[in-house]
Protein backbone atom coordinates (compact mmCIF):
# COMPACT_ATOMS: atom_id res chain seq x y z
CA MET A 1 21.48 -104.07 7.50
CA CYS A 2 20.69 -102.62 4.07
CA CYS A 3 22.81 -100.33 1.92
CA ASN A 4 20.92 -97.16 0.94
CA VAL A 5 22.94 -96.85 -2.28
CA CYS A 6 22.78 -100.26 -3.92
CA ASN A 7 19.65 -101.41 -2.03
CA THR A 8 21.20 -104.72 -1.06
CA SER A 9 22.27 -106.12 2.28
CA PHE A 10 25.87 -105.82 3.40
CA LEU A 11 27.85 -109.04 2.94
CA GLY A 12 29.28 -108.79 6.41
CA ASN A 13 31.11 -105.56 5.67
CA GLU A 14 31.15 -102.52 3.36
CA LEU A 15 33.73 -104.09 1.06
CA GLY A 16 31.29 -106.85 0.22
CA CYS A 17 28.58 -104.26 -0.41
CA PHE A 18 30.97 -102.40 -2.68
CA LEU A 19 31.71 -105.50 -4.77
CA LYS A 20 28.04 -106.38 -5.06
CA PHE A 21 27.23 -102.83 -6.12
CA THR A 22 29.88 -102.77 -8.84
CA GLN A 23 28.68 -106.08 -10.27
CA LYS A 24 25.05 -104.95 -10.35
CA TYR A 25 25.77 -101.60 -11.97
CA LYS A 26 28.43 -102.76 -14.43
CA TYR A 27 31.37 -101.31 -12.50
CA SER A 28 29.89 -97.82 -12.13
CA ILE A 29 31.62 -97.07 -8.81
CA ILE A 30 31.56 -93.28 -8.70
CA LYS A 31 28.88 -92.68 -6.05
CA HIS A 32 29.48 -95.61 -3.79
CA ARG A 33 33.26 -95.22 -3.65
CA LEU A 34 32.80 -91.86 -1.92
CA ASN A 35 30.71 -93.46 0.79
CA LEU A 36 33.18 -96.29 1.21
CA PHE A 37 36.59 -94.71 1.01
CA ASN A 38 35.91 -91.25 2.45
CA LYS A 39 35.13 -93.10 5.67
CA GLU A 40 38.46 -94.89 5.21
CA ILE A 41 36.83 -98.17 6.17
CA VAL A 42 37.63 -101.49 4.57
CA LYS A 43 36.52 -104.74 6.21
CA GLY A 44 35.29 -102.74 9.16
CA VAL A 45 38.76 -101.47 10.12
CA ALA A 46 39.65 -97.78 10.16
CA MET A 47 42.65 -97.27 7.90
CA LYS A 48 45.43 -94.73 7.61
CA LEU A 49 45.20 -92.39 4.64
CA LEU A 50 47.88 -94.07 2.53
CA ASP A 51 46.44 -97.53 3.17
CA SER A 52 42.95 -96.42 2.14
CA MET A 53 44.27 -94.77 -1.03
CA LEU A 54 46.23 -97.87 -2.05
CA GLU A 55 43.21 -100.06 -1.29
CA TYR A 56 41.06 -97.86 -3.47
CA ASN A 57 43.64 -98.03 -6.26
CA LYS A 58 43.09 -101.79 -6.56
CA TYR A 59 39.48 -101.16 -7.57
CA PHE A 60 40.46 -98.16 -9.70
CA VAL A 61 42.62 -100.47 -11.80
CA LYS A 62 40.36 -103.52 -11.64
CA PHE A 63 37.31 -101.67 -12.90
CA GLU A 64 39.32 -99.65 -15.45
CA GLU A 65 38.50 -96.24 -14.04
CA TYR A 66 41.78 -95.07 -15.61
CA GLN A 67 40.26 -95.29 -19.09
CA LYS A 68 38.59 -91.88 -18.80
CA TYR A 69 41.95 -90.24 -18.09
CA LYS A 70 43.90 -91.68 -21.00
CA THR A 71 45.48 -89.29 -23.47
CA GLU A 72 47.13 -89.79 -26.85
CA ASP A 73 50.65 -89.38 -25.49
CA LYS A 74 52.73 -87.50 -22.91
CA TYR A 75 52.75 -84.23 -24.86
CA PRO A 76 50.26 -81.40 -24.13
CA ALA A 77 47.63 -81.31 -26.86
CA LYS A 78 47.39 -77.51 -26.70
CA ARG A 79 51.18 -77.19 -26.51
CA VAL A 80 51.23 -75.14 -23.32
CA VAL A 81 52.78 -75.42 -19.86
CA MET A 82 51.26 -73.75 -16.79
CA PHE A 83 53.04 -72.70 -13.61
CA THR A 84 50.58 -72.19 -10.77
CA CYS A 85 50.01 -72.56 -7.03
CA MET A 86 49.54 -75.86 -5.20
CA ASP A 87 46.34 -74.54 -3.54
CA THR A 88 43.81 -77.37 -3.32
CA ARG A 89 41.09 -75.17 -4.80
CA LEU A 90 43.06 -75.00 -8.05
CA VAL A 91 43.54 -78.73 -8.59
CA ASP A 92 40.89 -78.74 -11.32
CA LEU A 93 39.82 -75.09 -11.38
CA ALA A 94 43.09 -73.71 -12.78
CA THR A 95 42.77 -75.76 -15.96
CA LYS A 96 38.99 -76.06 -16.34
CA SER A 97 38.59 -72.28 -16.11
CA LEU A 98 40.67 -71.97 -19.29
CA ASN A 99 39.03 -74.85 -21.16
CA LEU A 100 42.08 -77.05 -20.68
CA ALA A 101 41.18 -80.71 -20.39
CA GLN A 102 43.10 -83.84 -19.39
CA GLY A 103 46.12 -84.07 -21.68
CA ASP A 104 45.95 -80.46 -22.91
CA VAL A 105 48.57 -78.90 -20.63
CA LYS A 106 51.65 -79.58 -18.55
CA VAL A 107 51.30 -78.21 -15.00
CA VAL A 108 54.11 -77.18 -12.63
CA LYS A 109 53.22 -76.14 -9.07
CA ASN A 110 54.68 -74.81 -5.88
CA ALA A 111 53.50 -72.75 -2.90
CA GLY A 112 52.27 -69.41 -4.21
CA ALA A 113 53.45 -69.87 -7.82
CA ILE A 114 56.59 -68.04 -6.77
CA LEU A 115 59.63 -68.25 -9.02
CA THR A 116 62.52 -67.61 -6.65
CA HIS A 117 65.56 -68.71 -8.64
CA PRO A 118 66.33 -68.55 -12.38
CA PHE A 119 68.04 -71.94 -12.21
CA GLY A 120 65.83 -73.70 -9.68
CA SER A 121 63.63 -76.76 -10.21
CA VAL A 122 60.61 -74.78 -11.43
CA MET A 123 62.59 -73.05 -14.15
CA ARG A 124 64.16 -76.34 -15.14
CA SER A 125 60.71 -77.89 -15.50
CA LEU A 126 59.50 -75.05 -17.71
CA ILE A 127 62.59 -75.33 -19.88
CA MET A 128 62.14 -79.09 -20.21
CA ALA A 129 58.52 -78.54 -21.22
CA VAL A 130 59.57 -76.14 -23.97
CA TYR A 131 62.44 -78.16 -25.43
CA MET A 132 61.40 -81.76 -24.76
CA LEU A 133 57.62 -81.80 -24.31
CA LYS A 134 56.48 -79.60 -27.20
CA ALA A 135 55.17 -76.67 -25.12
CA ASP A 136 55.08 -73.53 -27.29
CA GLU A 137 53.58 -71.18 -24.68
CA ILE A 138 53.92 -70.64 -20.93
CA ILE A 139 51.23 -69.52 -18.49
CA VAL A 140 51.95 -68.20 -15.00
CA MET A 141 48.79 -68.26 -12.89
CA GLY A 142 48.58 -66.75 -9.43
CA HIS A 143 45.39 -66.49 -7.42
CA HIS A 144 43.57 -64.29 -4.96
CA ASP A 145 43.38 -65.32 -1.29
CA CYS A 146 46.74 -67.12 -1.53
CA GLY A 147 48.26 -68.46 1.67
CA MET A 148 51.67 -67.15 0.59
CA GLN A 149 50.49 -63.55 0.33
CA SER A 150 51.81 -61.37 3.17
CA ILE A 151 52.71 -64.45 5.18
CA ASP A 152 54.77 -63.91 8.34
CA PRO A 153 57.96 -66.03 8.25
CA ASN A 154 58.21 -65.81 12.03
CA LEU A 155 54.86 -67.57 12.32
CA ILE A 156 56.23 -70.44 10.23
CA LEU A 157 59.38 -70.61 12.34
CA ASP A 158 57.26 -70.77 15.50
CA LYS A 159 55.26 -73.67 14.04
CA MET A 160 58.50 -75.45 13.20
CA LYS A 161 59.59 -75.20 16.82
CA GLU A 162 56.21 -76.52 17.96
CA ARG A 163 56.75 -79.56 15.73
CA GLY A 164 60.17 -80.31 17.22
CA ILE A 165 62.63 -78.32 15.10
CA SER A 166 65.22 -77.08 17.60
CA GLU A 167 66.41 -73.53 18.00
CA GLU A 168 69.91 -74.88 17.50
CA THR A 169 69.01 -76.22 14.05
CA LEU A 170 67.56 -72.88 13.02
CA ASP A 171 70.64 -71.05 14.33
CA VAL A 172 72.99 -73.34 12.40
CA LEU A 173 71.10 -72.60 9.19
CA GLN A 174 71.22 -68.87 9.86
CA TYR A 175 74.94 -68.98 10.64
CA SER A 176 75.48 -70.94 7.41
CA GLY A 177 74.21 -67.97 5.44
CA ILE A 178 70.62 -69.09 4.90
CA ASP A 179 68.23 -66.22 5.54
CA LEU A 180 65.17 -68.21 6.60
CA ASN A 181 62.98 -65.13 6.87
CA LYS A 182 63.72 -64.21 3.28
CA TRP A 183 63.45 -67.82 2.10
CA LEU A 184 60.04 -68.28 3.72
CA HIS A 185 58.68 -64.92 2.61
CA GLY A 186 55.88 -65.07 0.03
CA PHE A 187 54.66 -61.95 -1.75
CA ASP A 188 52.70 -58.81 -0.97
CA ASP A 189 50.74 -58.30 -4.20
CA VAL A 190 49.64 -61.18 -6.43
CA ASN A 191 49.69 -59.12 -9.64
CA GLU A 192 53.23 -57.97 -8.96
CA SER A 193 54.29 -61.52 -8.11
CA VAL A 194 52.90 -62.88 -11.39
CA ALA A 195 54.50 -60.04 -13.37
CA HIS A 196 57.82 -60.80 -11.64
CA ASP A 197 57.62 -64.46 -12.65
CA VAL A 198 56.72 -63.60 -16.24
CA ASN A 199 59.64 -61.19 -16.46
CA MET A 200 62.12 -63.73 -15.08
CA ILE A 201 60.96 -66.40 -17.52
CA THR A 202 60.81 -64.07 -20.52
CA LYS A 203 64.32 -62.76 -19.92
CA HIS A 204 65.82 -66.13 -19.09
CA PRO A 205 68.83 -66.85 -21.32
CA LEU A 206 67.60 -70.38 -22.06
CA ILE A 207 64.02 -69.48 -23.03
CA PRO A 208 63.55 -68.93 -26.80
CA LYS A 209 62.43 -65.45 -27.80
CA ASP A 210 59.45 -66.84 -29.72
CA VAL A 211 57.82 -68.37 -26.62
CA PRO A 212 55.02 -66.15 -25.26
CA VAL A 213 54.80 -66.04 -21.45
CA HIS A 214 51.36 -65.04 -20.16
CA GLY A 215 50.50 -63.85 -16.65
CA LEU A 216 47.07 -64.56 -15.15
CA VAL A 217 45.36 -64.28 -11.77
CA ILE A 218 42.37 -66.46 -10.92
CA ASN A 219 39.66 -66.01 -8.29
CA PRO A 220 39.38 -69.40 -6.54
CA GLU A 221 35.81 -68.65 -5.49
CA ASN A 222 34.29 -68.31 -8.97
CA GLY A 223 37.03 -69.16 -11.46
CA LYS A 224 37.21 -65.68 -12.98
CA VAL A 225 40.59 -65.10 -14.61
CA ASP A 226 42.18 -61.66 -15.00
CA LEU A 227 44.95 -60.90 -17.47
CA VAL A 228 48.13 -59.46 -15.97
CA VAL A 229 50.55 -59.95 -18.87
CA ASN A 230 49.71 -60.79 -22.48
CA GLY A 231 52.71 -62.73 -23.70
CA TYR A 232 51.91 -62.01 -27.34
CA ASP A 233 52.45 -58.30 -26.70
CA ASN A 234 56.00 -58.97 -25.54
CA LEU A 235 56.72 -60.87 -28.75
CA ARG A 236 55.76 -57.84 -30.81
CA LYS A 237 58.11 -55.49 -28.94
């Protein structure tokens, strides 16, 4: 059987083909690794996701694929930190759409880019970025077609029950003072949500007054970014 990528016969399995390919093309593994690992097959055995990722990592390190991602240090080159949504469409798009490359920016994410508490983990991360990681500006980026927009908390609770979370557990949390419906609620308008986050960060007692906080909304379909809040304007007020 012949491999249609490296034009050589398999050495008994796809792993052998992979090794032969990398030797022939001086460790250029980009194209063939997709064929090999997206199928999650190594030595002819279907693997679980974690196993396949760890197996791939061996070759990532061995063939020095990490070199292209190296940066000068741990500090953002453009001295900015971004708070955005964990949506898979934004993994690269959120930064590339603003000409931010590897090493240019610190990125903090959660579901919906929603800042719910002034002393929660997101706010702590932003503060650490400002004081310890040389970030001089903050960007809050929401996006259109967000899964957290107008989401029904009851739908989430129903899915929890389907996955084995008991009614008793939910009742105990409610009786303990945790309003799950409020906690699971997202937002109704993305522009208002971004403006809310910007306002909370700007007025935070531990954020320096000379740090501009910008609010943006991106279209995940084409990368177009709209300005909601210009942080420089707030500095001039």
